[in-house]
Amino acid sequence: MRLITILPYNKNWPIMFQSETEVLSSIFSPILVRIEHIGSTSIPEMAAKSIIDILVEVTSLAEVDKFNIQMKAIGYISKGENGMPGR
């Protein structure tokens, strides 16, 4: 069984998102459309899991894997289609 911990709202979540946005923007700039803060941490005053969910919109999904080395260098793990072809 997986344990999920819900924490009170943290005023630093938007700051953490903004910081990550700057890093992701520099990596994906050739194909970047926009970056959105999604999920429960994006809702002010809402209790949430302390995971900042980020949606990166790009011009071409086929190009995303070209940035895997840069993403790994900043601590991300590439999961590709994550077991769902066409994802």
PDB file of N, CA and C in Angstrom:
ATOM      1  N   MET A   1       0.837  -1.168   0.000  1.00  0.00           N
ATOM      2  CA  MET A   1       0.000   0.000   0.000  1.00  0.00           C
ATOM      3  C   MET A   1       0.893   1.247   0.000  1.00  0.00           C
ATOM      4  N   ARG A   2       0.503   2.236  -0.754  1.00  0.00           N
ATOM      5  CA  ARG A   2       1.240   3.495  -0.866  1.00  0.00           C
ATOM      6  C   ARG A   2       0.663   4.520   0.102  1.00  0.00           C
ATOM      7  N   LEU A   3       1.520   5.109   0.917  1.00  0.00           N
ATOM      8  CA  LEU A   3       1.093   6.117   1.868  1.00  0.00           C
ATOM      9  C   LEU A   3       1.181   7.495   1.233  1.00  0.00           C
ATOM     10  N   ILE A   4       0.106   8.246   1.300  1.00  0.00           N
ATOM     11  CA  ILE A   4       0.073   9.608   0.760  1.00  0.00           C
ATOM     12  C   ILE A   4      -0.093  10.569   1.926  1.00  0.00           C
ATOM     13  N   THR A   5       0.792  11.545   1.987  1.00  0.00           N
ATOM     14  CA  THR A   5       0.738  12.544   3.050  1.00  0.00           C
ATOM     15  C   THR A   5       0.223  13.864   2.496  1.00  0.00           C
ATOM     16  N   ILE A   6      -0.811  14.378   3.107  1.00  0.00           N
ATOM     17  CA  ILE A   6      -1.386  15.667   2.721  1.00  0.00           C
ATOM     18  C   ILE A   6      -0.908  16.699   3.743  1.00  0.00           C
ATOM     19  N   LEU A   7      -0.385  17.794   3.255  1.00  0.00           N
ATOM     20  CA  LEU A   7       0.144  18.850   4.115  1.00  0.00           C
ATOM     21  C   LEU A   7      -0.690  20.123   3.984  1.00  0.00           C
ATOM     22  N   PRO A   8      -0.653  20.962   5.003  1.00  0.00           N
ATOM     23  CA  PRO A   8      -1.320  22.271   4.875  1.00  0.00           C
ATOM     24  C   PRO A   8      -0.681  23.056   3.731  1.00  0.00           C
ATOM     25  N   TYR A   9      -1.425  24.002   3.191  1.00  0.00           N
ATOM     26  CA  TYR A   9      -0.914  24.824   2.100  1.00  0.00           C
ATOM     27  C   TYR A   9       0.429  25.442   2.485  1.00  0.00           C
ATOM     28  N   ASN A  10       1.342  25.457   1.525  1.00  0.00           N
ATOM     29  CA  ASN A  10       2.671  26.032   1.737  1.00  0.00           C
ATOM     30  C   ASN A  10       2.828  27.214   0.781  1.00  0.00           C
ATOM     31  N   LYS A  11       3.010  28.398   1.341  1.00  0.00           N
ATOM     32  CA  LYS A  11       3.124  29.605   0.509  1.00  0.00           C
ATOM     33  C   LYS A  11       4.346  29.573  -0.396  1.00  0.00           C
ATOM     34  N   ASN A  12       5.253  28.627  -0.181  1.00  0.00           N
ATOM     35  CA  ASN A  12       6.438  28.502  -1.030  1.00  0.00           C
ATOM     36  C   ASN A  12       6.187  27.683  -2.302  1.00  0.00           C
ATOM     37  N   TRP A  13       5.064  26.983  -2.376  1.00  0.00           N
ATOM     38  CA  TRP A  13       4.794  26.177  -3.572  1.00  0.00           C
ATOM     39  C   TRP A  13       4.799  26.999  -4.850  1.00  0.00           C
ATOM     40  N   PRO A  14       4.156  28.160  -4.908  1.00  0.00           N
ATOM     41  CA  PRO A  14       4.234  28.962  -6.142  1.00  0.00           C
ATOM     42  C   PRO A  14       5.664  29.432  -6.441  1.00  0.00           C
ATOM     43  N   ILE A  15       6.435  29.701  -5.407  1.00  0.00           N
ATOM     44  CA  ILE A  15       7.831  30.116  -5.593  1.00  0.00           C
ATOM     45  C   ILE A  15       8.650  28.954  -6.145  1.00  0.00           C
ATOM     46  N   MET A  16       8.410  27.759  -5.609  1.00  0.00           N
ATOM     47  CA  MET A  16       9.107  26.563  -6.101  1.00  0.00           C
ATOM     48  C   MET A  16       8.756  26.309  -7.569  1.00  0.00           C
ATOM     49  N   PHE A  17       7.468  26.480  -7.903  1.00  0.00           N
ATOM     50  CA  PHE A  17       7.044  26.321  -9.291  1.00  0.00           C
ATOM     51  C   PHE A  17       7.767  27.317 -10.189  1.00  0.00           C
ATOM     52  N   GLN A  18       7.807  28.569  -9.779  1.00  0.00           N
ATOM     53  CA  GLN A  18       8.446  29.602 -10.592  1.00  0.00           C
ATOM     54  C   GLN A  18       9.927  29.292 -10.812  1.00  0.00           C
ATOM     55  N   SER A  19      10.587  28.832  -9.777  1.00  0.00           N
ATOM     56  CA  SER A  19      12.001  28.477  -9.878  1.00  0.00           C
ATOM     57  C   SER A  19      12.207  27.337 -10.886  1.00  0.00           C
ATOM     58  N   GLU A  20      11.356  26.338 -10.806  1.00  0.00           N
ATOM     59  CA  GLU A  20      11.458  25.199 -11.731  1.00  0.00           C
ATOM     60  C   GLU A  20      11.113  25.628 -13.151  1.00  0.00           C
ATOM     61  N   THR A  21      10.174  26.551 -13.295  1.00  0.00           N
ATOM     62  CA  THR A  21       9.796  27.075 -14.606  1.00  0.00           C
ATOM     63  C   THR A  21      10.992  27.711 -15.307  1.00  0.00           C
ATOM     64  N   GLU A  22      11.787  28.440 -14.566  1.00  0.00           N
ATOM     65  CA  GLU A  22      12.965  29.083 -15.155  1.00  0.00           C
ATOM     66  C   GLU A  22      13.951  28.050 -15.693  1.00  0.00           C
ATOM     67  N   VAL A  23      14.161  26.984 -14.944  1.00  0.00           N
ATOM     68  CA  VAL A  23      15.080  25.925 -15.380  1.00  0.00           C
ATOM     69  C   VAL A  23      14.510  25.200 -16.602  1.00  0.00           C
ATOM     70  N   LEU A  24      13.238  24.818 -16.530  1.00  0.00           N
ATOM     71  CA  LEU A  24      12.613  24.093 -17.637  1.00  0.00           C
ATOM     72  C   LEU A  24      12.534  24.961 -18.895  1.00  0.00           C
ATOM     73  N   SER A  25      12.279  26.243 -18.726  1.00  0.00           N
ATOM     74  CA  SER A  25      12.224  27.154 -19.874  1.00  0.00           C
ATOM     75  C   SER A  25      13.553  27.187 -20.611  1.00  0.00           C
ATOM     76  N   SER A  26      14.636  27.199 -19.860  1.00  0.00           N
ATOM     77  CA  SER A  26      15.945  27.248 -20.510  1.00  0.00           C
ATOM     78  C   SER A  26      16.243  25.958 -21.271  1.00  0.00           C
ATOM     79  N   ILE A  27      15.761  24.840 -20.759  1.00  0.00           N
ATOM     80  CA  ILE A  27      16.002  23.559 -21.429  1.00  0.00           C
ATOM     81  C   ILE A  27      15.128  23.415 -22.676  1.00  0.00           C
ATOM     82  N   PHE A  28      13.843  23.661 -22.530  1.00  0.00           N
ATOM     83  CA  PHE A  28      12.889  23.413 -23.619  1.00  0.00           C
ATOM     84  C   PHE A  28      12.658  24.610 -24.539  1.00  0.00           C
ATOM     85  N   SER A  29      13.428  25.674 -24.388  1.00  0.00           N
ATOM     86  CA  SER A  29      13.175  26.903 -25.152  1.00  0.00           C
ATOM     87  C   SER A  29      12.986  26.706 -26.656  1.00  0.00           C
ATOM     88  N   PRO A  30      13.705  25.785 -27.313  1.00  0.00           N
ATOM     89  CA  PRO A  30      13.496  25.648 -28.764  1.00  0.00           C
ATOM     90  C   PRO A  30      12.089  25.178 -29.157  1.00  0.00           C
ATOM     91  N   ILE A  31      11.405  24.482 -28.242  1.00  0.00           N
ATOM     92  CA  ILE A  31      10.086  23.940 -28.589  1.00  0.00           C
ATOM     93  C   ILE A  31       9.003  24.355 -27.587  1.00  0.00           C
ATOM     94  N   LEU A  32       9.327  25.222 -26.665  1.00  0.00           N
ATOM     95  CA  LEU A  32       8.414  25.579 -25.579  1.00  0.00           C
ATOM     96  C   LEU A  32       7.272  26.486 -26.045  1.00  0.00           C
ATOM     97  N   VAL A  33       6.055  26.142 -25.630  1.00  0.00           N
ATOM     98  CA  VAL A  33       4.885  26.990 -25.839  1.00  0.00           C
ATOM     99  C   VAL A  33       4.575  27.702 -24.522  1.00  0.00           C
ATOM    100  N   ARG A  34       4.367  26.921 -23.456  1.00  0.00           N
ATOM    101  CA  ARG A  34       4.133  27.500 -22.130  1.00  0.00           C
ATOM    102  C   ARG A  34       4.296  26.423 -21.065  1.00  0.00           C
ATOM    103  N   ILE A  35       4.397  26.898 -19.824  1.00  0.00           N
ATOM    104  CA  ILE A  35       4.512  26.019 -18.668  1.00  0.00           C
ATOM    105  C   ILE A  35       3.434  26.422 -17.679  1.00  0.00           C
ATOM    106  N   GLU A  36       2.677  25.432 -17.186  1.00  0.00           N
ATOM    107  CA  GLU A  36       1.568  25.693 -16.268  1.00  0.00           C
ATOM    108  C   GLU A  36       1.766  24.942 -14.955  1.00  0.00           C
ATOM    109  N   HIS A  37       1.404  25.589 -13.862  1.00  0.00           N
ATOM    110  CA  HIS A  37       1.375  24.954 -12.544  1.00  0.00           C
ATOM    111  C   HIS A  37       0.006  24.305 -12.418  1.00  0.00           C
ATOM    112  N   ILE A  38      -0.029  22.989 -12.306  1.00  0.00           N
ATOM    113  CA  ILE A  38      -1.298  22.259 -12.232  1.00  0.00           C
ATOM    114  C   ILE A  38      -1.339  21.459 -10.933  1.00  0.00           C
ATOM    115  N   GLY A  39      -2.441  20.839 -10.665  1.00  0.00           N
ATOM    116  CA  GLY A  39      -2.563  19.992  -9.486  1.00  0.00           C
ATOM    117  C   GLY A  39      -2.872  20.791  -8.231  1.00  0.00           C
ATOM    118  N   SER A  40      -2.968  20.076  -7.127  1.00  0.00           N
ATOM    119  CA  SER A  40      -3.437  20.683  -5.882  1.00  0.00           C
ATOM    120  C   SER A  40      -2.513  21.754  -5.322  1.00  0.00           C
ATOM    121  N   THR A  41      -1.205  21.672  -5.563  1.00  0.00           N
ATOM    122  CA  THR A  41      -0.313  22.721  -5.037  1.00  0.00           C
ATOM    123  C   THR A  41      -0.497  24.048  -5.758  1.00  0.00           C
ATOM    124  N   SER A  42      -1.199  24.043  -6.870  1.00  0.00           N
ATOM    125  CA  SER A  42      -1.442  25.289  -7.607  1.00  0.00           C
ATOM    126  C   SER A  42      -2.648  26.062  -7.085  1.00  0.00           C
ATOM    127  N   ILE A  43      -3.391  25.479  -6.155  1.00  0.00           N
ATOM    128  CA  ILE A  43      -4.610  26.100  -5.637  1.00  0.00           C
ATOM    129  C   ILE A  43      -4.299  26.767  -4.295  1.00  0.00           C
ATOM    130  N   PRO A  44      -4.354  28.093  -4.236  1.00  0.00           N
ATOM    131  CA  PRO A  44      -4.037  28.799  -2.990  1.00  0.00           C
ATOM    132  C   PRO A  44      -4.871  28.307  -1.807  1.00  0.00           C
ATOM    133  N   GLU A  45      -4.191  28.119  -0.700  1.00  0.00           N
ATOM    134  CA  GLU A  45      -4.775  27.724   0.588  1.00  0.00           C
ATOM    135  C   GLU A  45      -5.294  26.290   0.643  1.00  0.00           C
ATOM    136  N   MET A  46      -5.072  25.493  -0.403  1.00  0.00           N
ATOM    137  CA  MET A  46      -5.547  24.112  -0.392  1.00  0.00           C
ATOM    138  C   MET A  46      -4.460  23.181   0.150  1.00  0.00           C
ATOM    139  N   ALA A  47      -4.835  22.295   1.043  1.00  0.00           N
ATOM    140  CA  ALA A  47      -3.917  21.262   1.510  1.00  0.00           C
ATOM    141  C   ALA A  47      -3.609  20.340   0.330  1.00  0.00           C
ATOM    142  N   ALA A  48      -2.398  19.773   0.306  1.00  0.00           N
ATOM    143  CA  ALA A  48      -2.000  18.986  -0.864  1.00  0.00           C
ATOM    144  C   ALA A  48      -0.821  18.083  -0.546  1.00  0.00           C
ATOM    145  N   LYS A  49      -0.554  17.144  -1.458  1.00  0.00           N
ATOM    146  CA  LYS A  49       0.718  16.417  -1.419  1.00  0.00           C
ATOM    147  C   LYS A  49       1.784  17.446  -1.782  1.00  0.00           C
ATOM    148  N   SER A  50       2.946  17.329  -1.205  1.00  0.00           N
ATOM    149  CA  SER A  50       3.977  18.348  -1.467  1.00  0.00           C
ATOM    150  C   SER A  50       4.766  18.044  -2.742  1.00  0.00           C
ATOM    151  N   ILE A  51       4.029  17.834  -3.819  1.00  0.00           N
ATOM    152  CA  ILE A  51       4.621  17.585  -5.137  1.00  0.00           C
ATOM    153  C   ILE A  51       4.121  18.676  -6.072  1.00  0.00           C
ATOM    154  N   ILE A  52       5.060  19.395  -6.686  1.00  0.00           N
ATOM    155  CA  ILE A  52       4.691  20.459  -7.613  1.00  0.00           C
ATOM    156  C   ILE A  52       4.450  19.825  -8.979  1.00  0.00           C
ATOM    157  N   ASP A  53       3.189  19.789  -9.406  1.00  0.00           N
ATOM    158  CA  ASP A  53       2.838  19.235 -10.715  1.00  0.00           C
ATOM    159  C   ASP A  53       2.970  20.329 -11.761  1.00  0.00           C
ATOM    160  N   ILE A  54       3.692  19.996 -12.829  1.00  0.00           N
ATOM    161  CA  ILE A  54       3.996  20.976 -13.875  1.00  0.00           C
ATOM    162  C   ILE A  54       3.625  20.391 -15.232  1.00  0.00           C
ATOM    163  N   LEU A  55       2.938  21.186 -16.035  1.00  0.00           N
ATOM    164  CA  LEU A  55       2.605  20.799 -17.401  1.00  0.00           C
ATOM    165  C   LEU A  55       3.447  21.653 -18.344  1.00  0.00           C
ATOM    166  N   VAL A  56       4.246  20.999 -19.161  1.00  0.00           N
ATOM    167  CA  VAL A  56       5.067  21.705 -20.150  1.00  0.00           C
ATOM    168  C   VAL A  56       4.443  21.469 -21.511  1.00  0.00           C
ATOM    169  N   GLU A  57       3.959  22.544 -22.135  1.00  0.00           N
ATOM    170  CA  GLU A  57       3.365  22.448 -23.469  1.00  0.00           C
ATOM    171  C   GLU A  57       4.442  22.789 -24.497  1.00  0.00           C
ATOM    172  N   VAL A  58       4.602  21.895 -25.476  1.00  0.00           N
ATOM    173  CA  VAL A  58       5.638  22.065 -26.496  1.00  0.00           C
ATOM    174  C   VAL A  58       5.037  21.993 -27.894  1.00  0.00           C
ATOM    175  N   THR A  59       5.801  22.440 -28.870  1.00  0.00           N
ATOM    176  CA  THR A  59       5.322  22.425 -30.251  1.00  0.00           C
ATOM    177  C   THR A  59       5.376  21.035 -30.869  1.00  0.00           C
ATOM    178  N   SER A  60       6.236  20.145 -30.318  1.00  0.00           N
ATOM    179  CA  SER A  60       6.380  18.811 -30.895  1.00  0.00           C
ATOM    180  C   SER A  60       6.757  17.790 -29.829  1.00  0.00           C
ATOM    181  N   LEU A  61       5.868  16.836 -29.574  1.00  0.00           N
ATOM    182  CA  LEU A  61       6.186  15.769 -28.628  1.00  0.00           C
ATOM    183  C   LEU A  61       7.342  14.905 -29.130  1.00  0.00           C
ATOM    184  N   ALA A  62       7.467  14.785 -30.435  1.00  0.00           N
ATOM    185  CA  ALA A  62       8.544  13.980 -31.018  1.00  0.00           C
ATOM    186  C   ALA A  62       9.918  14.531 -30.674  1.00  0.00           C
ATOM    187  N   GLU A  63      10.004  15.812 -30.350  1.00  0.00           N
ATOM    188  CA  GLU A  63      11.280  16.458 -30.036  1.00  0.00           C
ATOM    189  C   GLU A  63      11.667  16.361 -28.555  1.00  0.00           C
ATOM    190  N   VAL A  64      10.731  16.029 -27.691  1.00  0.00           N
ATOM    191  CA  VAL A  64      10.970  16.072 -26.244  1.00  0.00           C
ATOM    192  C   VAL A  64      12.138  15.192 -25.812  1.00  0.00           C
ATOM    193  N   ASP A  65      12.243  13.984 -26.355  1.00  0.00           N
ATOM    194  CA  ASP A  65      13.319  13.069 -25.944  1.00  0.00           C
ATOM    195  C   ASP A  65      14.714  13.629 -26.210  1.00  0.00           C
ATOM    196  N   LYS A  66      14.825  14.600 -27.079  1.00  0.00           N
ATOM    197  CA  LYS A  66      16.128  15.206 -27.362  1.00  0.00           C
ATOM    198  C   LYS A  66      16.684  15.942 -26.143  1.00  0.00           C
ATOM    199  N   PHE A  67      15.846  16.206 -25.161  1.00  0.00           N
ATOM    200  CA  PHE A  67      16.255  16.952 -23.976  1.00  0.00           C
ATOM    201  C   PHE A  67      16.452  16.060 -22.754  1.00  0.00           C
ATOM    202  N   ASN A  68      16.407  14.729 -22.939  1.00  0.00           N
ATOM    203  CA  ASN A  68      16.514  13.798 -21.818  1.00  0.00           C
ATOM    204  C   ASN A  68      17.811  13.945 -21.034  1.00  0.00           C
ATOM    205  N   ILE A  69      18.919  14.153 -21.699  1.00  0.00           N
ATOM    206  CA  ILE A  69      20.203  14.283 -21.000  1.00  0.00           C
ATOM    207  C   ILE A  69      20.198  15.518 -20.108  1.00  0.00           C
ATOM    208  N   GLN A  70      19.691  16.627 -20.625  1.00  0.00           N
ATOM    209  CA  GLN A  70      19.612  17.855 -19.826  1.00  0.00           C
ATOM    210  C   GLN A  70      18.657  17.683 -18.646  1.00  0.00           C
ATOM    211  N   MET A  71      17.556  16.996 -18.859  1.00  0.00           N
ATOM    212  CA  MET A  71      16.601  16.770 -17.782  1.00  0.00           C
ATOM    213  C   MET A  71      17.198  15.859 -16.711  1.00  0.00           C
ATOM    214  N   LYS A  72      17.907  14.831 -17.124  1.00  0.00           N
ATOM    215  CA  LYS A  72      18.556  13.934 -16.166  1.00  0.00           C
ATOM    216  C   LYS A  72      19.581  14.702 -15.329  1.00  0.00           C
ATOM    217  N   ALA A  73      20.277  15.630 -15.955  1.00  0.00           N
ATOM    218  CA  ALA A  73      21.306  16.408 -15.257  1.00  0.00           C
ATOM    219  C   ALA A  73      20.725  17.253 -14.123  1.00  0.00           C
ATOM    220  N   ILE A  74      19.440  17.597 -14.207  1.00  0.00           N
ATOM    221  CA  ILE A  74      18.829  18.391 -13.134  1.00  0.00           C
ATOM    222  C   ILE A  74      17.942  17.537 -12.224  1.00  0.00           C
ATOM    223  N   GLY A  75      18.036  16.208 -12.383  1.00  0.00           N
ATOM    224  CA  GLY A  75      17.367  15.309 -11.451  1.00  0.00           C
ATOM    225  C   GLY A  75      16.085  14.647 -11.907  1.00  0.00           C
ATOM    226  N   TYR A  76      15.674  14.865 -13.141  1.00  0.00           N
ATOM    227  CA  TYR A  76      14.465  14.230 -13.645  1.00  0.00           C
ATOM    228  C   TYR A  76      14.781  12.840 -14.182  1.00  0.00           C
ATOM    229  N   ILE A  77      13.775  11.969 -14.186  1.00  0.00           N
ATOM    230  CA  ILE A  77      13.905  10.618 -14.731  1.00  0.00           C
ATOM    231  C   ILE A  77      12.960  10.510 -15.920  1.00  0.00           C
ATOM    232  N   SER A  78      13.516  10.197 -17.088  1.00  0.00           N
ATOM    233  CA  SER A  78      12.696  10.060 -18.291  1.00  0.00           C
ATOM    234  C   SER A  78      11.923   8.741 -18.227  1.00  0.00           C
ATOM    235  N   LYS A  79      10.626   8.825 -18.457  1.00  0.00           N
ATOM    236  CA  LYS A  79       9.800   7.629 -18.489  1.00  0.00           C
ATOM    237  C   LYS A  79       9.136   7.429 -19.855  1.00  0.00           C
ATOM    238  N   GLY A  80       9.517   8.251 -20.815  1.00  0.00           N
ATOM    239  CA  GLY A  80       8.960   8.105 -22.159  1.00  0.00           C
ATOM    240  C   GLY A  80       7.446   8.116 -22.126  1.00  0.00           C
ATOM    241  N   GLU A  81       6.862   7.142 -22.759  1.00  0.00           N
ATOM    242  CA  GLU A  81       5.403   7.037 -22.808  1.00  0.00           C
ATOM    243  C   GLU A  81       4.856   6.386 -21.539  1.00  0.00           C
ATOM    244  N   ASN A  82       5.734   6.011 -20.629  1.00  0.00           N
ATOM    245  CA  ASN A  82       5.376   5.437 -19.334  1.00  0.00           C
ATOM    246  C   ASN A  82       4.441   4.222 -19.480  1.00  0.00           C
ATOM    247  N   GLY A  83       4.760   3.366 -20.445  1.00  0.00           N
ATOM    248  CA  GLY A  83       3.998   2.141 -20.641  1.00  0.00           C
ATOM    249  C   GLY A  83       2.696   2.313 -21.386  1.00  0.00           C
ATOM    250  N   MET A  84       2.429   3.509 -21.908  1.00  0.00           N
ATOM    251  CA  MET A  84       1.186   3.761 -22.637  1.00  0.00           C
ATOM    252  C   MET A  84       1.534   4.295 -24.027  1.00  0.00           C
ATOM    253  N   PRO A  85       1.584   3.411 -25.021  1.00  0.00           N
ATOM    254  CA  PRO A  85       1.949   3.852 -26.376  1.00  0.00           C
ATOM    255  C   PRO A  85       1.095   5.019 -26.848  1.00  0.00           C
ATOM    256  N   GLY A  86       1.767   6.012 -27.427  1.00  0.00           N
ATOM    257  CA  GLY A  86       1.073   7.179 -27.942  1.00  0.00           C
ATOM    258  C   GLY A  86       0.797   8.256 -26.911  1.00  0.00           C
ATOM    259  N   ARG A  87       1.270   8.016 -25.689  1.00  0.00           N
ATOM    260  CA  ARG A  87       1.005   8.969 -24.599  1.00  0.00           C
ATOM    261  C   ARG A  87       1.716  10.274 -24.836  1.00  0.00           C
TER     262      ARG A  87
END
